Amino acid sequence: QVQLVESGGGLVQAGGSLRLSCAASGNFFSTYNMGWYRQAPGKQRELVAAINRGGITTYIDSVKDRFTISRDNAKRMVYLQMNNLTPEDTAVYYCNAETTRSYWGQGTQVTVSS
């Protein structure tokens, strides 16, 4: 069983920055593939960024060069640094862990005002 707790969401003006954090439980965190998803109202949940257990990162095109995903295996943490935010980034952001199954956090709201 893996528990994920996100934090760091909030309200920010366009052009601003936020850093999301995800704290994970479990003794094998370094073996998990981790990701950040988001879901805007009326839209499907989408993968924003991922980092595998080897540290390889992937991003959707719309956030490349603005968002950075990272992990700290010693602290069992995953981060999403979000810069130059736009109103289109407004969504609930979810942390995801892939092990033998998929685990989700409760989500954290990010609202970007124009």
Protein backbone atom coordinates (compact mmCIF):
# COMPACT_ATOMS: atom_id res chain seq x y z
CA GLN A 1 0.00 0.00 0.00
CA VAL A 2 1.32 3.42 -1.02
CA GLN A 3 -0.09 6.67 0.28
CA LEU A 4 0.51 9.94 -1.54
CA VAL A 5 -0.07 13.41 -0.13
CA GLU A 6 0.20 16.46 -2.37
CA SER A 7 0.78 20.02 -1.24
CA GLY A 8 1.78 23.35 -2.68
CA GLY A 9 -1.22 24.28 -4.77
CA GLY A 10 -2.86 27.67 -4.62
CA LEU A 11 -3.85 30.80 -6.47
CA VAL A 12 -1.25 32.57 -8.55
CA GLN A 13 -1.27 35.22 -11.24
CA ALA A 14 -0.33 34.42 -14.80
CA GLY A 15 3.42 34.36 -15.18
CA GLY A 16 3.92 33.25 -11.61
CA SER A 17 5.36 30.05 -10.19
CA LEU A 18 4.32 27.28 -7.86
CA ARG A 19 6.09 24.20 -6.55
CA LEU A 20 4.00 21.12 -5.90
CA SER A 21 5.23 18.45 -3.54
CA CYS A 22 4.15 14.85 -3.13
CA ALA A 23 5.08 12.85 -0.06
CA ALA A 24 4.98 9.09 -0.52
CA SER A 25 4.87 6.23 1.92
CA GLY A 26 6.39 2.83 1.37
CA ASN A 27 9.80 1.29 1.69
CA PHE A 28 10.47 0.91 -2.01
CA PHE A 29 9.93 4.45 -3.22
CA SER A 30 13.06 4.41 -5.35
CA THR A 31 11.51 1.67 -7.47
CA TYR A 32 8.29 3.56 -8.18
CA ASN A 33 7.63 5.35 -11.43
CA MET A 34 6.11 8.69 -10.45
CA GLY A 35 3.97 11.19 -12.29
CA TRP A 36 1.97 14.35 -12.00
CA TYR A 37 -1.44 14.45 -13.64
CA ARG A 38 -3.96 17.22 -13.86
CA GLN A 39 -7.67 17.48 -14.46
CA ALA A 40 -9.38 20.69 -15.46
CA PRO A 41 -13.16 21.11 -15.16
CA GLY A 42 -14.94 19.24 -17.95
CA LYS A 43 -11.73 17.66 -19.20
CA GLN A 44 -10.10 14.29 -18.87
CA ARG A 45 -7.22 13.74 -16.52
CA GLU A 46 -3.93 14.06 -18.37
CA LEU A 47 -0.35 13.18 -17.59
CA VAL A 48 1.67 16.36 -17.24
CA ALA A 49 5.10 15.03 -16.30
CA ALA A 50 6.65 11.76 -15.27
CA ILE A 51 9.91 10.58 -13.80
CA ASN A 52 10.79 6.93 -13.78
CA ARG A 53 12.84 5.06 -11.23
CA GLY A 54 15.92 5.71 -13.30
CA GLY A 55 15.35 9.46 -13.23
CA ILE A 56 14.27 9.79 -16.85
CA THR A 57 11.69 12.56 -17.28
CA THR A 58 8.93 13.15 -19.80
CA TYR A 59 6.56 16.09 -20.28
CA ILE A 60 3.57 16.99 -22.35
CA ASP A 61 4.41 19.57 -24.99
CA SER A 62 2.40 22.36 -23.38
CA VAL A 63 4.56 22.40 -20.23
CA LYS A 64 7.99 21.71 -21.68
CA ASP A 65 10.50 24.40 -20.72
CA ARG A 66 8.12 25.63 -18.00
CA PHE A 67 7.65 22.67 -15.65
CA THR A 68 10.29 20.48 -14.04
CA ILE A 69 9.64 17.20 -12.29
CA SER A 70 12.16 15.87 -9.80
CA ARG A 71 12.42 13.31 -7.07
CA ASP A 72 14.30 12.83 -3.83
CA ASN A 73 14.39 9.13 -3.06
CA ALA A 74 15.90 9.62 0.38
CA LYS A 75 12.97 11.81 1.40
CA ARG A 76 10.40 9.86 -0.65
CA MET A 77 9.32 13.04 -2.33
CA VAL A 78 8.39 14.10 -5.84
CA TYR A 79 8.22 17.73 -6.92
CA LEU A 80 6.76 19.68 -9.78
CA GLN A 81 8.26 23.11 -10.27
CA MET A 82 5.88 25.15 -12.41
CA ASN A 83 7.05 28.42 -13.90
CA ASN A 84 5.45 30.96 -16.19
CA LEU A 85 2.00 29.65 -15.34
CA THR A 86 -0.95 30.44 -17.58
CA PRO A 87 -4.71 30.23 -16.96
CA GLU A 88 -4.70 27.05 -19.07
CA ASP A 89 -2.69 25.38 -16.31
CA THR A 90 -5.62 25.75 -13.91
CA ALA A 91 -6.59 22.27 -12.71
CA VAL A 92 -6.48 19.84 -9.85
CA TYR A 93 -3.03 18.27 -9.86
CA TYR A 94 -2.62 14.66 -8.76
CA CYS A 95 0.45 12.71 -7.79
CA ASN A 96 0.62 9.16 -9.12
CA ALA A 97 2.82 6.21 -8.23
CA GLU A 98 3.13 3.15 -10.40
CA THR A 99 4.30 -0.02 -8.73
CA THR A 100 2.48 -3.29 -9.21
CA ARG A 101 -0.60 -1.10 -9.31
CA SER A 102 -1.42 2.56 -9.58
CA TYR A 103 -1.80 4.85 -6.57
CA TRP A 104 -3.21 8.36 -6.42
CA GLY A 105 -3.10 11.27 -4.06
CA GLN A 106 -6.11 13.38 -3.16
CA GLY A 107 -5.10 16.21 -5.46
CA THR A 108 -4.19 19.85 -4.97
CA GLN A 109 -5.90 22.77 -6.69
CA VAL A 110 -3.88 25.11 -8.86
CA THR A 111 -5.64 28.24 -10.04
CA VAL A 112 -3.95 30.72 -12.35
CA SER A 113 -5.64 34.07 -12.78
CA SER A 114 -5.20 36.20 -15.88
